[in-house]
């Protein structure tokens, strides 16, 4: 039972880190263009080959 005294605070701490990372991602506009990458690959002018110099 003493292990719960360690596991509960550790799990709350890790959950807090995850929540902080999610809030940071929201505030830094990481989720603004959810469909842009999906549509870019379907366009005719999409070319993923490296440009030759």
Protein backbone atom coordinates (compact mmCIF):
# COMPACT_ATOMS: atom_id res chain seq x y z
CA UNK A 1 0.00 0.00 0.00
CA UNK A 2 2.93 2.35 0.55
CA UNK A 3 3.64 2.29 -3.18
CA UNK A 4 0.42 4.26 -3.73
CA UNK A 5 2.02 7.15 -1.84
CA UNK A 6 4.58 7.28 -4.65
CA UNK A 7 2.51 6.28 -7.68
CA UNK A 8 -0.34 8.76 -7.21
CA UNK A 9 1.87 11.89 -7.07
CA UNK A 10 4.01 10.60 -9.94
CA UNK A 11 0.95 9.98 -12.11
CA UNK A 12 -0.49 13.41 -11.27
CA UNK A 13 2.86 15.00 -12.12
CA UNK A 14 3.07 13.22 -15.48
CA UNK A 15 -0.54 14.10 -16.24
CA UNK A 16 0.24 17.73 -15.46
CA UNK A 17 3.20 17.66 -17.83
CA UNK A 18 0.96 16.24 -20.56
CA UNK A 19 -1.67 18.90 -19.93
CA UNK A 20 0.95 21.65 -19.99
CA UNK A 21 2.33 20.33 -23.30
CA UNK A 22 -1.18 20.29 -24.79
CA UNK A 23 -1.90 23.83 -23.63
CA UNK A 24 1.46 24.97 -25.02
CA UNK A 25 0.61 23.37 -28.38
CA UNK A 26 -2.76 25.14 -28.43
CA UNK A 27 -1.25 28.52 -27.63
CA UNK A 28 1.54 28.18 -30.19
CA UNK A 29 -1.01 27.49 -32.97
CA UNK A 30 0.10 23.93 -33.68
CA UNK A 31 -3.45 22.91 -34.65
CA UNK A 32 -4.38 25.81 -36.95
CA UNK A 33 -4.19 24.06 -40.32
CA UNK A 34 -5.34 20.48 -39.83
CA UNK A 35 -6.24 19.82 -43.47
CA UNK A 36 -3.40 21.68 -45.21
CA UNK A 37 -0.91 18.81 -45.21
CA UNK A 38 -3.56 16.31 -46.23
CA UNK A 39 -4.62 18.36 -49.27
CA UNK A 40 -1.08 19.39 -50.26
CA UNK A 41 -0.13 15.83 -51.16
CA UNK A 42 -3.19 15.49 -53.42
CA UNK A 43 -2.43 18.56 -55.52
CA UNK A 44 -0.96 18.10 -58.97
CA UNK A 45 2.02 20.37 -58.34
CA UNK A 46 3.17 18.39 -55.28
CA UNK A 47 6.69 17.07 -55.71
CA UNK A 48 8.58 15.49 -52.84
CA UNK A 49 11.79 14.89 -54.75
CA UNK A 50 14.79 16.98 -53.69
CA UNK A 51 15.54 19.92 -55.96
CA UNK A 52 18.60 19.34 -58.11
CA UNK A 53 21.08 22.20 -58.38
